[in-house]
Amino acid sequence: MSTKPPLFISLFFTIGVCERNAHTVHTQRNNMEGSSKKSSKGQKERGSLYHIIHKVPCGDSPYVKAKHTQLVEKDPEAAIVLFWKAINEGDRVESALKDMAVVMKQLDRTEEAIEAIKSFRGRCPKQAQESLDNVLIDLYKCGKIEEQIDLLKRKLRLIYQGEAFNGKPTKTARSRGKKFQVSIKQETSRLLGNLGWAYMQKSNFMMAEVVYQKAQMIDPDANKACNLVFCLIKQARYDEAFPIIQDVLQGRLPGSDECKPRKRAQELIMELKSRWHPSQPLMESSSDDHIVPGLDDDFVKGLDQLMNEWGPLRPKRLPIFEEISPFRNDQLAF
């Protein structure tokens, strides 16, 4: 005959089983929640990694969609449409305008890019105007030499008058996703280098040479030195060109160890040696050297006028310009 356990024992056993089951369910639920959180976290990390790899911002705004179309889908025409949408909707207008200009330039639609920046830069804040100018300078290199020269002179005027960088000695710039500081000296030399390049495109080697000389006095480098030598060779001033190109070949200038300027320096020294021999008489510069065919007389007059206008403003000059003595005053007065 079987005997049943007392009632309190059965209840105790039942309660114990229920507690264990509840604990098991709770543990499973926690594990599921933890797994869900980990999965969500993993998805976020993968999403962040995706944006980092493709260098696209997060979100679903028109600008973000435009960047995704440009960089991931690699559809520049569709990207331009979305950049226009971002500009019209006021979504990161400065970035959309600059990025759209870059894409348009890649598609040989430079004229459209220039007009877009000119038309819509008014929607961008004051602090964005300088970077938009830099985009225009790059766009003007595609055949808009006169416009490039005018813009460069205007930017150099702002520096001379102490109005660039909002009156600060440095500014933060960005290149290939990295931020770095740019000094007034570096910016002045860069703009002068661009101005010299523009005059070279016009075959105005006299003015290009003078501009490059000033640029090298401020912040010398091998690339500008090579351009300066090229201008001197074009003027048959070989004796002046030789020591400058030697500085590049012997590594005395910043950037001399880089492949491109070093290769160009080697080409220039070969050209120089083929044209000039030390036994030749040295060319003498005269006060009328600047009167040569193709010289931009209007620019020379403009520089003279600019110098006269700057005369009363000398106390406001930045220190960088005090370091530069008048160079070949008969040719250039900055």
Foldseek 3Di string as FASTA:
>chain_A
DDDDDDPVVVVVVVVVVVVVVVVVVVVVVVVVVVVVVVVVVVVVVVVVVVCVVQVADDDDQLLSVLSCCCRPVVDLVVSLVSLVVCCVVVNPVLVSLLVNCVSCVVVVNLVVSLVSCVVRVVSPDPVSVVVSLVSVLVSCVVPVLVVNLVSLVVVLVCQFLCPPPVNDQWDWDDDPRDIDIDGSLRVQLVSLLSNLVSCVVLVLLVVSLVSLVVSCLRANALVSLLSNLVSCVSVVQLVVNVVSLVCLCVVVGHPSPPDVSVVSSVVSVVVSVVRDDPVDDGDDDDLCVQPDPSRPVVVQVVQVVVLVVCVVVVVSGDPSVVSDDDDSVSRGDD
